[in-house]
N, C-alpha and C. Protein backbone atom coordinates (compact mmCIF):
# COMPACT_ATOMS: atom_id res chain seq x y z
N MET A 1 -66.15 107.30 -163.35
CA MET A 1 -65.45 107.30 -162.04
C MET A 1 -66.08 108.34 -161.11
N ASP A 2 -66.14 108.00 -159.80
CA ASP A 2 -66.65 108.99 -158.89
C ASP A 2 -65.87 108.80 -157.56
N LEU A 3 -65.98 109.91 -156.77
CA LEU A 3 -65.29 109.90 -155.46
C LEU A 3 -66.26 110.43 -154.43
N ASP A 4 -66.13 109.98 -153.19
CA ASP A 4 -66.93 110.47 -152.14
C ASP A 4 -65.98 111.17 -151.08
N ILE A 5 -66.37 112.27 -150.62
CA ILE A 5 -65.61 112.93 -149.52
C ILE A 5 -66.52 113.28 -148.45
N VAL A 6 -66.03 113.28 -147.18
CA VAL A 6 -66.82 113.68 -146.00
C VAL A 6 -66.42 115.00 -145.60
N ASP A 7 -67.42 115.89 -145.31
CA ASP A 7 -67.17 117.25 -144.80
C ASP A 7 -67.86 117.34 -143.41
N ARG A 8 -67.02 117.46 -142.35
CA ARG A 8 -67.56 117.68 -140.97
C ARG A 8 -68.02 119.10 -140.84
N LEU A 9 -67.91 119.92 -141.82
CA LEU A 9 -68.36 121.36 -141.79
C LEU A 9 -67.71 122.09 -140.67
N LEU A 10 -66.39 121.85 -140.48
CA LEU A 10 -65.65 122.54 -139.45
C LEU A 10 -64.88 123.76 -140.01
N GLY A 11 -64.78 123.85 -141.32
CA GLY A 11 -64.09 124.96 -141.89
C GLY A 11 -65.02 126.18 -142.12
N GLU A 12 -64.46 127.27 -142.52
CA GLU A 12 -65.23 128.48 -142.75
C GLU A 12 -66.10 128.37 -143.99
N VAL A 13 -65.62 127.60 -145.02
CA VAL A 13 -66.33 127.44 -146.26
C VAL A 13 -66.60 125.95 -146.50
N PRO A 14 -67.79 125.51 -146.72
CA PRO A 14 -68.07 124.13 -146.98
C PRO A 14 -67.34 123.62 -148.24
N GLN A 15 -66.85 122.37 -148.16
CA GLN A 15 -66.13 121.81 -149.22
C GLN A 15 -66.84 121.76 -150.51
N LEU A 16 -68.18 121.63 -150.48
CA LEU A 16 -68.95 121.64 -151.72
C LEU A 16 -68.90 122.97 -152.42
N VAL A 17 -68.86 124.05 -151.63
CA VAL A 17 -68.76 125.36 -152.24
C VAL A 17 -67.43 125.53 -152.90
N VAL A 18 -66.33 125.05 -152.25
CA VAL A 18 -64.96 125.19 -152.79
C VAL A 18 -64.91 124.43 -154.06
N LEU A 19 -65.41 123.20 -154.11
CA LEU A 19 -65.33 122.41 -155.29
C LEU A 19 -66.14 122.99 -156.46
N ARG A 20 -67.24 123.56 -156.14
CA ARG A 20 -68.08 124.12 -157.24
C ARG A 20 -67.50 125.45 -157.77
N THR A 21 -66.55 126.00 -157.19
CA THR A 21 -65.93 127.25 -157.66
C THR A 21 -64.75 126.90 -158.58
N ALA A 22 -64.38 125.66 -158.66
CA ALA A 22 -63.22 125.31 -159.50
C ALA A 22 -63.54 125.54 -160.95
N ALA A 23 -62.47 125.81 -161.78
CA ALA A 23 -62.67 126.06 -163.10
C ALA A 23 -63.26 124.88 -163.84
N GLY A 24 -64.36 125.07 -164.59
CA GLY A 24 -65.00 124.01 -165.34
C GLY A 24 -65.92 123.11 -164.54
N ALA A 25 -66.05 123.39 -163.24
CA ALA A 25 -66.91 122.52 -162.38
C ALA A 25 -68.39 122.70 -162.78
N GLU A 26 -69.08 121.55 -162.71
CA GLU A 26 -70.56 121.58 -163.01
C GLU A 26 -71.27 121.05 -161.75
N PRO A 27 -72.18 121.81 -161.17
CA PRO A 27 -72.87 121.31 -159.98
C PRO A 27 -73.83 120.27 -160.33
N VAL A 28 -73.92 119.27 -159.43
CA VAL A 28 -74.89 118.14 -159.52
C VAL A 28 -75.69 118.13 -158.22
N GLU A 29 -76.99 118.32 -158.32
CA GLU A 29 -77.80 118.36 -157.11
C GLU A 29 -77.98 116.94 -156.50
N PRO A 30 -78.14 116.83 -155.24
CA PRO A 30 -78.20 117.89 -154.32
C PRO A 30 -76.81 118.27 -153.70
N SER A 31 -75.81 117.43 -153.78
CA SER A 31 -74.58 117.76 -153.06
C SER A 31 -73.35 117.14 -153.75
N ALA A 32 -73.26 117.34 -155.10
CA ALA A 32 -72.15 116.72 -155.85
C ALA A 32 -71.67 117.77 -156.85
N VAL A 33 -70.52 117.41 -157.50
CA VAL A 33 -70.00 118.29 -158.59
C VAL A 33 -69.22 117.46 -159.52
N LEU A 34 -69.31 117.76 -160.81
CA LEU A 34 -68.51 117.17 -161.86
C LEU A 34 -67.33 118.00 -162.13
N LEU A 35 -66.14 117.41 -161.94
CA LEU A 35 -64.88 118.12 -162.10
C LEU A 35 -64.20 117.66 -163.39
N PRO A 36 -63.70 118.56 -164.27
CA PRO A 36 -63.07 118.09 -165.49
C PRO A 36 -61.63 117.62 -165.17
N THR A 37 -61.21 116.50 -165.85
CA THR A 37 -59.87 115.96 -165.77
C THR A 37 -59.35 115.61 -167.13
N ALA A 38 -58.13 115.38 -167.26
CA ALA A 38 -57.59 114.96 -168.58
C ALA A 38 -58.18 113.66 -169.10
N TYR A 39 -58.84 112.85 -168.21
CA TYR A 39 -59.43 111.59 -168.56
C TYR A 39 -60.88 111.58 -168.51
N GLY A 40 -61.45 112.78 -168.54
CA GLY A 40 -62.89 112.96 -168.54
C GLY A 40 -63.41 113.46 -167.13
N PRO A 41 -64.68 113.76 -167.08
CA PRO A 41 -65.20 114.32 -165.80
C PRO A 41 -65.27 113.29 -164.69
N VAL A 42 -65.00 113.76 -163.45
CA VAL A 42 -65.08 112.97 -162.27
C VAL A 42 -66.16 113.54 -161.40
N ARG A 43 -67.02 112.68 -160.99
CA ARG A 43 -68.17 113.12 -160.04
C ARG A 43 -67.60 113.00 -158.60
N VAL A 44 -67.79 114.11 -157.86
CA VAL A 44 -67.35 114.07 -156.45
C VAL A 44 -68.62 114.34 -155.61
N ASP A 45 -68.99 113.38 -154.77
CA ASP A 45 -70.12 113.49 -153.88
C ASP A 45 -69.61 113.95 -152.53
N VAL A 46 -70.22 115.05 -152.03
CA VAL A 46 -69.77 115.54 -150.74
C VAL A 46 -70.81 115.13 -149.67
N LEU A 47 -70.38 114.41 -148.70
CA LEU A 47 -71.23 113.86 -147.63
C LEU A 47 -71.10 114.66 -146.40
N GLU A 48 -72.01 115.54 -146.12
CA GLU A 48 -71.88 116.52 -145.09
C GLU A 48 -72.44 115.93 -143.72
N VAL A 49 -71.70 116.10 -142.71
CA VAL A 49 -72.11 115.65 -141.34
C VAL A 49 -72.05 116.87 -140.41
N ARG A 50 -73.26 117.18 -139.86
CA ARG A 50 -73.39 118.31 -138.93
C ARG A 50 -73.26 117.77 -137.51
N GLN A 51 -72.56 118.53 -136.70
CA GLN A 51 -72.38 118.16 -135.26
C GLN A 51 -73.68 117.86 -134.59
N VAL A 52 -74.74 118.64 -134.89
CA VAL A 52 -76.03 118.44 -134.27
C VAL A 52 -76.55 117.02 -134.49
N GLU A 53 -76.21 116.43 -135.69
CA GLU A 53 -76.73 115.11 -136.00
C GLU A 53 -76.09 114.08 -135.07
N LEU A 54 -74.87 114.39 -134.57
CA LEU A 54 -74.20 113.46 -133.63
C LEU A 54 -74.66 113.74 -132.20
N ASP A 55 -74.79 115.00 -131.91
CA ASP A 55 -75.18 115.42 -130.53
C ASP A 55 -76.67 115.04 -130.17
N GLN A 56 -77.52 115.08 -131.22
CA GLN A 56 -78.92 114.80 -131.03
C GLN A 56 -79.32 113.71 -132.10
N PRO A 57 -78.90 112.42 -131.89
CA PRO A 57 -79.19 111.37 -132.86
C PRO A 57 -80.61 111.27 -133.26
N SER A 58 -80.84 110.88 -134.50
CA SER A 58 -82.21 110.66 -135.03
C SER A 58 -82.81 109.43 -134.37
N ASP A 59 -84.09 109.34 -134.40
CA ASP A 59 -84.78 108.06 -134.00
C ASP A 59 -84.67 107.02 -135.07
N ASP A 60 -84.31 107.37 -136.31
CA ASP A 60 -84.19 106.46 -137.44
C ASP A 60 -82.76 105.84 -137.47
N PRO A 61 -82.60 104.54 -137.36
CA PRO A 61 -81.24 103.99 -137.39
C PRO A 61 -80.47 104.28 -138.62
N GLY A 62 -81.13 104.41 -139.79
CA GLY A 62 -80.42 104.73 -141.00
C GLY A 62 -79.82 106.12 -140.92
N ASP A 63 -80.60 107.07 -140.51
CA ASP A 63 -80.12 108.46 -140.36
C ASP A 63 -78.95 108.51 -139.34
N ARG A 64 -79.15 107.79 -138.20
CA ARG A 64 -78.05 107.77 -137.21
C ARG A 64 -76.84 107.23 -137.75
N LEU A 65 -76.89 106.09 -138.47
CA LEU A 65 -75.66 105.48 -139.01
C LEU A 65 -75.07 106.36 -140.07
N HIS A 66 -75.88 107.02 -140.84
CA HIS A 66 -75.24 107.93 -141.87
C HIS A 66 -74.35 108.95 -141.15
N ALA A 67 -74.85 109.63 -140.19
CA ALA A 67 -74.04 110.59 -139.46
C ALA A 67 -72.90 109.99 -138.73
N SER A 68 -73.12 108.98 -137.97
CA SER A 68 -72.03 108.44 -137.11
C SER A 68 -70.98 107.74 -137.95
N ALA A 69 -71.36 107.01 -139.02
CA ALA A 69 -70.42 106.25 -139.80
C ALA A 69 -69.54 107.19 -140.58
N HIS A 70 -70.06 108.27 -141.12
CA HIS A 70 -69.28 109.23 -141.87
C HIS A 70 -68.39 110.05 -140.97
N ALA A 71 -68.83 110.38 -139.78
CA ALA A 71 -68.01 111.09 -138.86
C ALA A 71 -66.86 110.21 -138.40
N TRP A 72 -67.11 108.90 -138.15
CA TRP A 72 -66.08 107.92 -137.77
C TRP A 72 -65.14 107.73 -138.85
N ALA A 73 -65.55 107.71 -140.11
CA ALA A 73 -64.66 107.55 -141.24
C ALA A 73 -63.72 108.73 -141.33
N ASN A 74 -64.33 109.98 -141.17
CA ASN A 74 -63.52 111.16 -141.33
C ASN A 74 -62.48 111.27 -140.18
N ASP A 75 -62.87 110.97 -139.01
CA ASP A 75 -62.07 111.16 -137.86
C ASP A 75 -60.96 110.13 -137.67
N SER A 76 -61.11 108.94 -138.33
CA SER A 76 -60.15 107.92 -138.18
C SER A 76 -59.35 107.62 -139.47
N ALA A 77 -59.62 108.45 -140.46
CA ALA A 77 -58.98 108.24 -141.77
C ALA A 77 -57.46 108.27 -141.69
N THR A 78 -56.78 107.47 -142.50
CA THR A 78 -55.37 107.30 -142.58
C THR A 78 -54.82 107.97 -143.79
N ASP A 79 -53.71 108.76 -143.60
CA ASP A 79 -53.13 109.38 -144.78
C ASP A 79 -52.45 108.27 -145.73
N ILE A 80 -52.88 108.29 -146.98
CA ILE A 80 -52.31 107.37 -147.97
C ILE A 80 -51.70 108.16 -149.11
N THR A 81 -50.48 107.76 -149.48
CA THR A 81 -49.86 108.40 -150.63
C THR A 81 -50.15 107.68 -151.94
N ILE A 82 -50.67 108.37 -152.84
CA ILE A 82 -51.04 107.83 -154.16
C ILE A 82 -50.10 108.40 -155.21
N GLU A 83 -49.56 107.46 -156.02
CA GLU A 83 -48.61 107.90 -157.08
C GLU A 83 -49.29 107.64 -158.43
N ALA A 84 -49.22 108.63 -159.23
CA ALA A 84 -49.74 108.56 -160.64
C ALA A 84 -48.77 108.94 -161.68
N MET A 85 -48.86 108.42 -162.86
CA MET A 85 -47.98 108.75 -163.92
C MET A 85 -48.75 109.57 -164.98
N ARG A 86 -48.23 110.76 -165.20
CA ARG A 86 -48.85 111.64 -166.22
C ARG A 86 -48.57 110.97 -167.64
N THR A 87 -49.31 111.48 -168.61
CA THR A 87 -49.12 110.99 -169.95
C THR A 87 -47.74 111.35 -170.54
N ASP A 88 -47.12 112.42 -169.91
CA ASP A 88 -45.78 112.80 -170.40
C ASP A 88 -44.68 112.06 -169.66
N GLY A 89 -45.08 111.18 -168.76
CA GLY A 89 -44.08 110.39 -168.02
C GLY A 89 -43.73 110.89 -166.67
N GLU A 90 -44.23 112.05 -166.32
CA GLU A 90 -43.93 112.67 -165.04
C GLU A 90 -44.70 111.91 -163.92
N ARG A 91 -44.01 111.62 -162.81
CA ARG A 91 -44.66 111.00 -161.64
C ARG A 91 -45.19 112.08 -160.75
N VAL A 92 -46.45 111.83 -160.28
CA VAL A 92 -47.06 112.78 -159.39
C VAL A 92 -47.54 112.02 -158.12
N GLU A 93 -47.17 112.55 -156.94
CA GLU A 93 -47.58 111.99 -155.69
C GLU A 93 -48.53 112.90 -154.91
N VAL A 94 -49.61 112.31 -154.40
CA VAL A 94 -50.58 113.06 -153.64
C VAL A 94 -50.86 112.28 -152.38
N THR A 95 -50.84 112.92 -151.22
CA THR A 95 -51.18 112.27 -149.99
C THR A 95 -52.53 112.75 -149.45
N THR A 96 -53.42 111.82 -149.23
CA THR A 96 -54.83 112.19 -148.85
C THR A 96 -55.34 111.21 -147.82
N PRO A 97 -56.20 111.67 -146.90
CA PRO A 97 -56.78 110.78 -145.90
C PRO A 97 -57.78 109.87 -146.57
N VAL A 98 -57.72 108.54 -146.28
CA VAL A 98 -58.58 107.56 -146.81
C VAL A 98 -59.22 106.75 -145.69
N ALA A 99 -60.54 106.46 -145.83
CA ALA A 99 -61.29 105.84 -144.79
C ALA A 99 -60.70 104.40 -144.49
N GLU A 100 -60.80 103.93 -143.23
CA GLU A 100 -60.37 102.60 -142.80
C GLU A 100 -61.42 101.59 -143.09
N PRO A 101 -61.08 100.33 -143.10
CA PRO A 101 -62.08 99.23 -143.49
C PRO A 101 -63.37 99.23 -142.65
N GLY A 102 -63.24 99.34 -141.31
CA GLY A 102 -64.37 99.31 -140.41
C GLY A 102 -65.35 100.42 -140.78
N PRO A 103 -64.95 101.70 -140.80
CA PRO A 103 -65.87 102.76 -141.11
C PRO A 103 -66.39 102.62 -142.55
N LEU A 104 -65.67 102.09 -143.55
CA LEU A 104 -66.03 101.83 -144.91
C LEU A 104 -67.28 100.93 -144.88
N ILE A 105 -67.17 99.86 -144.11
CA ILE A 105 -68.23 98.86 -144.04
C ILE A 105 -69.51 99.56 -143.47
N ALA A 106 -69.32 100.31 -142.44
CA ALA A 106 -70.44 101.01 -141.75
C ALA A 106 -71.17 101.97 -142.76
N MET A 107 -70.35 102.71 -143.47
CA MET A 107 -70.92 103.67 -144.43
C MET A 107 -71.71 102.92 -145.51
N LYS A 108 -71.12 101.93 -146.08
CA LYS A 108 -71.73 101.14 -147.17
C LYS A 108 -72.98 100.46 -146.67
N LEU A 109 -73.04 99.97 -145.46
CA LEU A 109 -74.22 99.35 -144.98
C LEU A 109 -75.43 100.37 -144.98
N GLN A 110 -75.09 101.55 -144.59
CA GLN A 110 -76.16 102.57 -144.51
C GLN A 110 -76.54 103.09 -145.92
N ALA A 111 -75.54 103.19 -146.78
CA ALA A 111 -75.76 103.79 -148.11
C ALA A 111 -76.70 102.96 -148.99
N VAL A 112 -76.76 101.65 -148.75
CA VAL A 112 -77.50 100.76 -149.68
C VAL A 112 -78.92 101.23 -149.90
N MET A 113 -79.54 101.66 -148.77
CA MET A 113 -80.97 101.99 -148.89
C MET A 113 -81.28 103.07 -149.90
N ASN A 114 -80.35 104.02 -150.11
CA ASN A 114 -80.66 105.17 -150.96
C ASN A 114 -79.95 105.10 -152.28
N ARG A 115 -79.51 103.95 -152.70
CA ARG A 115 -78.73 103.81 -154.00
C ARG A 115 -79.57 103.17 -155.06
N SER A 116 -79.11 103.40 -156.31
CA SER A 116 -79.67 102.64 -157.44
C SER A 116 -79.37 101.13 -157.30
N LEU A 117 -80.08 100.33 -158.11
CA LEU A 117 -79.92 98.88 -157.96
C LEU A 117 -78.48 98.46 -158.20
N ASP A 118 -77.80 98.94 -159.19
CA ASP A 118 -76.40 98.55 -159.46
C ASP A 118 -75.44 99.01 -158.35
N LYS A 119 -75.73 100.23 -157.83
CA LYS A 119 -74.93 100.72 -156.74
C LYS A 119 -75.13 99.88 -155.45
N GLN A 120 -76.40 99.46 -155.25
CA GLN A 120 -76.64 98.61 -154.12
C GLN A 120 -75.80 97.30 -154.18
N GLY A 121 -75.75 96.78 -155.41
CA GLY A 121 -75.00 95.57 -155.57
C GLY A 121 -73.49 95.73 -155.33
N THR A 122 -72.97 96.86 -155.84
CA THR A 122 -71.50 97.06 -155.63
C THR A 122 -71.23 97.49 -154.21
N ASP A 123 -72.07 98.24 -153.51
CA ASP A 123 -71.83 98.51 -152.12
C ASP A 123 -71.77 97.26 -151.28
N LEU A 124 -72.79 96.39 -151.50
CA LEU A 124 -72.91 95.14 -150.72
C LEU A 124 -71.73 94.16 -151.06
N GLY A 125 -71.36 94.16 -152.38
CA GLY A 125 -70.20 93.30 -152.79
C GLY A 125 -68.92 93.83 -152.19
N ASP A 126 -68.77 95.13 -152.02
CA ASP A 126 -67.63 95.64 -151.36
C ASP A 126 -67.54 95.27 -149.92
N ILE A 127 -68.75 95.25 -149.27
CA ILE A 127 -68.74 94.83 -147.87
C ILE A 127 -68.29 93.41 -147.77
N VAL A 128 -68.75 92.56 -148.70
CA VAL A 128 -68.30 91.12 -148.64
C VAL A 128 -66.80 90.99 -148.82
N ARG A 129 -66.25 91.75 -149.77
CA ARG A 129 -64.81 91.70 -150.03
C ARG A 129 -64.00 92.27 -148.82
N LEU A 130 -64.47 93.31 -148.26
CA LEU A 130 -63.76 93.93 -147.08
C LEU A 130 -63.76 92.96 -145.88
N THR A 131 -64.89 92.22 -145.71
CA THR A 131 -65.01 91.32 -144.64
C THR A 131 -64.28 90.00 -144.83
N LEU A 132 -64.25 89.53 -146.03
CA LEU A 132 -63.61 88.25 -146.25
C LEU A 132 -62.17 88.31 -146.70
N ASP A 133 -61.68 89.42 -147.12
CA ASP A 133 -60.29 89.59 -147.56
C ASP A 133 -59.32 89.44 -146.33
N GLU A 134 -58.34 88.62 -146.54
CA GLU A 134 -57.40 88.32 -145.41
C GLU A 134 -56.65 89.56 -144.94
N ALA A 135 -56.48 90.56 -145.77
CA ALA A 135 -55.72 91.74 -145.32
C ALA A 135 -56.63 92.73 -144.60
N THR A 136 -57.90 92.88 -145.06
CA THR A 136 -58.77 93.89 -144.48
C THR A 136 -59.69 93.30 -143.35
N ARG A 137 -59.95 92.02 -143.39
CA ARG A 137 -60.85 91.46 -142.43
C ARG A 137 -60.48 91.65 -140.94
N PRO A 138 -59.23 91.36 -140.50
CA PRO A 138 -58.94 91.55 -139.10
C PRO A 138 -58.96 92.99 -138.68
N VAL A 139 -58.57 93.89 -139.59
CA VAL A 139 -58.66 95.34 -139.26
C VAL A 139 -60.10 95.80 -139.08
N ALA A 140 -60.91 95.42 -140.07
CA ALA A 140 -62.32 95.83 -140.04
C ALA A 140 -62.99 95.29 -138.78
N LEU A 141 -62.85 94.06 -138.44
CA LEU A 141 -63.53 93.46 -137.31
C LEU A 141 -62.98 93.99 -136.03
N GLU A 142 -61.73 94.31 -135.92
CA GLU A 142 -61.23 94.95 -134.73
C GLU A 142 -61.76 96.31 -134.54
N GLN A 143 -61.85 97.12 -135.64
CA GLN A 143 -62.38 98.50 -135.60
C GLN A 143 -63.87 98.48 -135.17
N ILE A 144 -64.65 97.59 -135.77
CA ILE A 144 -66.05 97.49 -135.43
C ILE A 144 -66.24 97.02 -133.96
N GLY A 145 -65.30 96.14 -133.57
CA GLY A 145 -65.35 95.65 -132.20
C GLY A 145 -65.00 96.70 -131.14
N ALA A 146 -64.33 97.79 -131.59
CA ALA A 146 -63.89 98.74 -130.66
C ALA A 146 -64.72 100.07 -130.77
N VAL A 147 -65.54 100.20 -131.70
CA VAL A 147 -66.27 101.44 -131.95
C VAL A 147 -67.29 101.60 -130.87
N ASP A 148 -67.80 102.82 -130.70
CA ASP A 148 -68.84 103.14 -129.71
C ASP A 148 -70.01 102.26 -129.82
N ALA A 149 -70.59 101.83 -128.70
CA ALA A 149 -71.64 100.85 -128.66
C ALA A 149 -72.91 101.26 -129.47
N ALA A 150 -73.18 102.51 -129.53
CA ALA A 150 -74.35 103.00 -130.31
C ALA A 150 -74.14 102.82 -131.77
N ILE A 151 -72.93 103.03 -132.25
CA ILE A 151 -72.63 102.81 -133.64
C ILE A 151 -72.61 101.31 -133.94
N ALA A 152 -72.07 100.55 -133.08
CA ALA A 152 -72.04 99.06 -133.28
C ALA A 152 -73.51 98.52 -133.28
N HIS A 153 -74.34 99.02 -132.47
CA HIS A 153 -75.77 98.65 -132.49
C HIS A 153 -76.43 98.87 -133.84
N ASP A 154 -76.19 100.05 -134.40
CA ASP A 154 -76.77 100.37 -135.67
C ASP A 154 -76.14 99.57 -136.86
N ILE A 155 -74.84 99.27 -136.72
CA ILE A 155 -74.25 98.39 -137.71
C ILE A 155 -74.91 97.02 -137.65
N ALA A 156 -75.11 96.56 -136.46
CA ALA A 156 -75.73 95.19 -136.32
C ALA A 156 -77.14 95.21 -136.94
N LEU A 157 -77.92 96.25 -136.75
CA LEU A 157 -79.28 96.32 -137.30
C LEU A 157 -79.19 96.24 -138.84
N HIS A 158 -78.24 96.95 -139.45
CA HIS A 158 -78.15 96.97 -140.91
C HIS A 158 -77.60 95.60 -141.43
N VAL A 159 -76.68 95.02 -140.72
CA VAL A 159 -76.22 93.68 -141.10
C VAL A 159 -77.37 92.70 -141.12
N ASP A 160 -78.21 92.80 -140.09
CA ASP A 160 -79.41 91.86 -140.03
C ASP A 160 -80.37 92.10 -141.22
N LEU A 161 -80.54 93.40 -141.54
CA LEU A 161 -81.50 93.71 -142.62
C LEU A 161 -80.97 93.16 -143.96
N TRP A 162 -79.71 93.38 -144.28
CA TRP A 162 -79.18 93.02 -145.59
C TRP A 162 -78.69 91.59 -145.71
N PHE A 163 -77.95 91.13 -144.65
CA PHE A 163 -77.29 89.87 -144.85
C PHE A 163 -78.00 88.71 -144.12
N VAL A 164 -79.08 88.98 -143.43
CA VAL A 164 -79.88 87.92 -142.84
C VAL A 164 -81.21 87.88 -143.51
N ARG A 165 -82.00 89.01 -143.22
CA ARG A 165 -83.38 88.96 -143.70
C ARG A 165 -83.55 89.08 -145.22
N SER A 166 -82.62 89.80 -145.88
CA SER A 166 -82.68 89.99 -147.33
C SER A 166 -81.52 89.25 -148.07
N ARG A 167 -81.07 88.20 -147.47
CA ARG A 167 -79.85 87.50 -148.03
C ARG A 167 -80.01 87.06 -149.47
N GLN A 168 -81.10 86.41 -149.82
CA GLN A 168 -81.19 85.95 -151.20
C GLN A 168 -81.35 87.08 -152.22
N GLN A 169 -82.03 88.18 -151.80
CA GLN A 169 -82.14 89.33 -152.69
C GLN A 169 -80.75 89.91 -152.84
N VAL A 170 -79.99 90.01 -151.78
CA VAL A 170 -78.65 90.62 -151.83
C VAL A 170 -77.73 89.75 -152.70
N LEU A 171 -77.88 88.44 -152.63
CA LEU A 171 -77.07 87.52 -153.43
C LEU A 171 -77.33 87.80 -154.89
N ARG A 172 -78.59 88.02 -155.33
CA ARG A 172 -78.89 88.32 -156.70
C ARG A 172 -78.24 89.67 -157.12
N TRP A 173 -78.30 90.63 -156.24
CA TRP A 173 -77.79 91.97 -156.53
C TRP A 173 -76.27 91.89 -156.78
N VAL A 174 -75.57 91.26 -155.85
CA VAL A 174 -74.09 91.29 -155.89
C VAL A 174 -73.60 90.44 -157.13
N GLN A 175 -74.30 89.36 -157.37
CA GLN A 175 -73.93 88.55 -158.51
C GLN A 175 -74.20 89.22 -159.82
N SER A 176 -75.20 90.10 -159.90
CA SER A 176 -75.48 90.79 -161.13
C SER A 176 -74.56 91.91 -161.50
N VAL A 177 -73.70 92.37 -160.57
CA VAL A 177 -72.80 93.46 -160.79
C VAL A 177 -71.32 93.06 -160.76
N GLY A 178 -71.10 91.74 -160.99
CA GLY A 178 -69.70 91.27 -161.12
C GLY A 178 -69.16 90.52 -160.02
N PHE A 179 -69.88 90.26 -158.97
CA PHE A 179 -69.44 89.41 -157.84
C PHE A 179 -70.02 87.99 -158.00
N GLY A 180 -69.83 87.40 -159.12
CA GLY A 180 -70.41 86.11 -159.50
C GLY A 180 -69.91 84.98 -158.60
N ASP A 181 -68.72 85.12 -157.97
CA ASP A 181 -68.22 84.09 -157.17
C ASP A 181 -68.71 84.09 -155.73
N VAL A 182 -69.55 85.10 -155.40
CA VAL A 182 -70.03 85.16 -154.05
C VAL A 182 -71.24 84.21 -153.87
N SER A 183 -71.29 83.46 -152.82
CA SER A 183 -72.31 82.48 -152.59
C SER A 183 -73.17 82.90 -151.41
N SER A 184 -74.24 82.18 -151.18
CA SER A 184 -75.07 82.48 -149.97
C SER A 184 -74.35 82.18 -148.77
N GLU A 185 -73.47 81.18 -148.78
CA GLU A 185 -72.69 80.87 -147.62
C GLU A 185 -71.71 81.97 -147.24
N ASP A 186 -71.19 82.68 -148.32
CA ASP A 186 -70.32 83.81 -148.04
C ASP A 186 -71.10 84.91 -147.31
N LEU A 187 -72.31 85.13 -147.74
CA LEU A 187 -73.16 86.18 -147.13
C LEU A 187 -73.49 85.82 -145.67
N GLU A 188 -73.74 84.50 -145.41
CA GLU A 188 -73.93 84.05 -144.10
C GLU A 188 -72.79 84.28 -143.17
N LEU A 189 -71.63 83.98 -143.71
CA LEU A 189 -70.34 84.14 -142.98
C LEU A 189 -70.10 85.62 -142.64
N VAL A 190 -70.36 86.49 -143.68
CA VAL A 190 -70.20 87.93 -143.38
C VAL A 190 -71.13 88.40 -142.32
N ALA A 191 -72.38 87.87 -142.34
CA ALA A 191 -73.32 88.27 -141.32
C ALA A 191 -72.88 87.83 -139.89
N GLU A 192 -72.34 86.59 -139.85
CA GLU A 192 -71.91 86.10 -138.58
C GLU A 192 -70.70 86.89 -137.94
N MET A 193 -69.78 87.23 -138.89
CA MET A 193 -68.54 87.95 -138.43
C MET A 193 -68.88 89.30 -138.01
N LEU A 194 -69.64 90.06 -138.85
CA LEU A 194 -69.94 91.40 -138.52
C LEU A 194 -70.83 91.52 -137.26
N THR A 195 -71.79 90.63 -137.17
CA THR A 195 -72.66 90.62 -136.00
C THR A 195 -71.86 90.38 -134.75
N ALA A 196 -70.93 89.42 -134.79
CA ALA A 196 -70.11 89.07 -133.59
C ALA A 196 -69.20 90.31 -133.27
N ALA A 197 -68.70 90.99 -134.21
CA ALA A 197 -67.84 92.19 -133.97
C ALA A 197 -68.63 93.27 -133.33
N ALA A 198 -69.86 93.44 -133.85
CA ALA A 198 -70.68 94.51 -133.30
C ALA A 198 -71.35 94.25 -131.96
N HIS A 199 -71.32 92.91 -131.53
CA HIS A 199 -71.95 92.53 -130.29
C HIS A 199 -71.25 93.13 -129.09
N ARG A 200 -72.03 93.74 -128.15
CA ARG A 200 -71.51 94.22 -126.88
C ARG A 200 -72.17 93.50 -125.74
N SER A 201 -71.40 92.94 -124.83
CA SER A 201 -71.97 92.30 -123.72
C SER A 201 -72.62 93.26 -122.84
N THR A 202 -73.70 92.86 -122.16
CA THR A 202 -74.39 93.74 -121.25
C THR A 202 -74.09 93.50 -119.79
């Protein structure tokens, strides 16, 4: 199990430093930590976004989308209450901000390039599910349709890379990691919907 958190670096102490000072924590380079739990270690990856990356965007669309998508996810996150049951029967509730569908798609589109092959498949499969699911689709498309034009442009570039130019390769990846019901037609539909949402009239 692993978790991703975004740190806009607005606090006095970076979140990675806080996590690594927890009892039993094991640092994982470059920016993660293994935290002990009753059910085994949990890896937490800290995705840092510096304001300068937003104020002075990179010439590389991948670097730009990394910064902008994670900042968007952080700034638009919705508080979700998660309830868990301890082994002794006690119920525990935790409320935490969780990324919305549109920013999740943007983050996963960018992350594919730097992931292992299995993670590439799961990230791309997650994008397919978020785009085709009846509950998340309208929210995701509305959010991408309303986001800043510069972010939308970079989303469209990554959609074209993965779901148009690399469609058959992506199909093999997603089917190899448990998305066996995904078809080439599904990927084509995802490309059409996300491209249309990211389109801005001039």
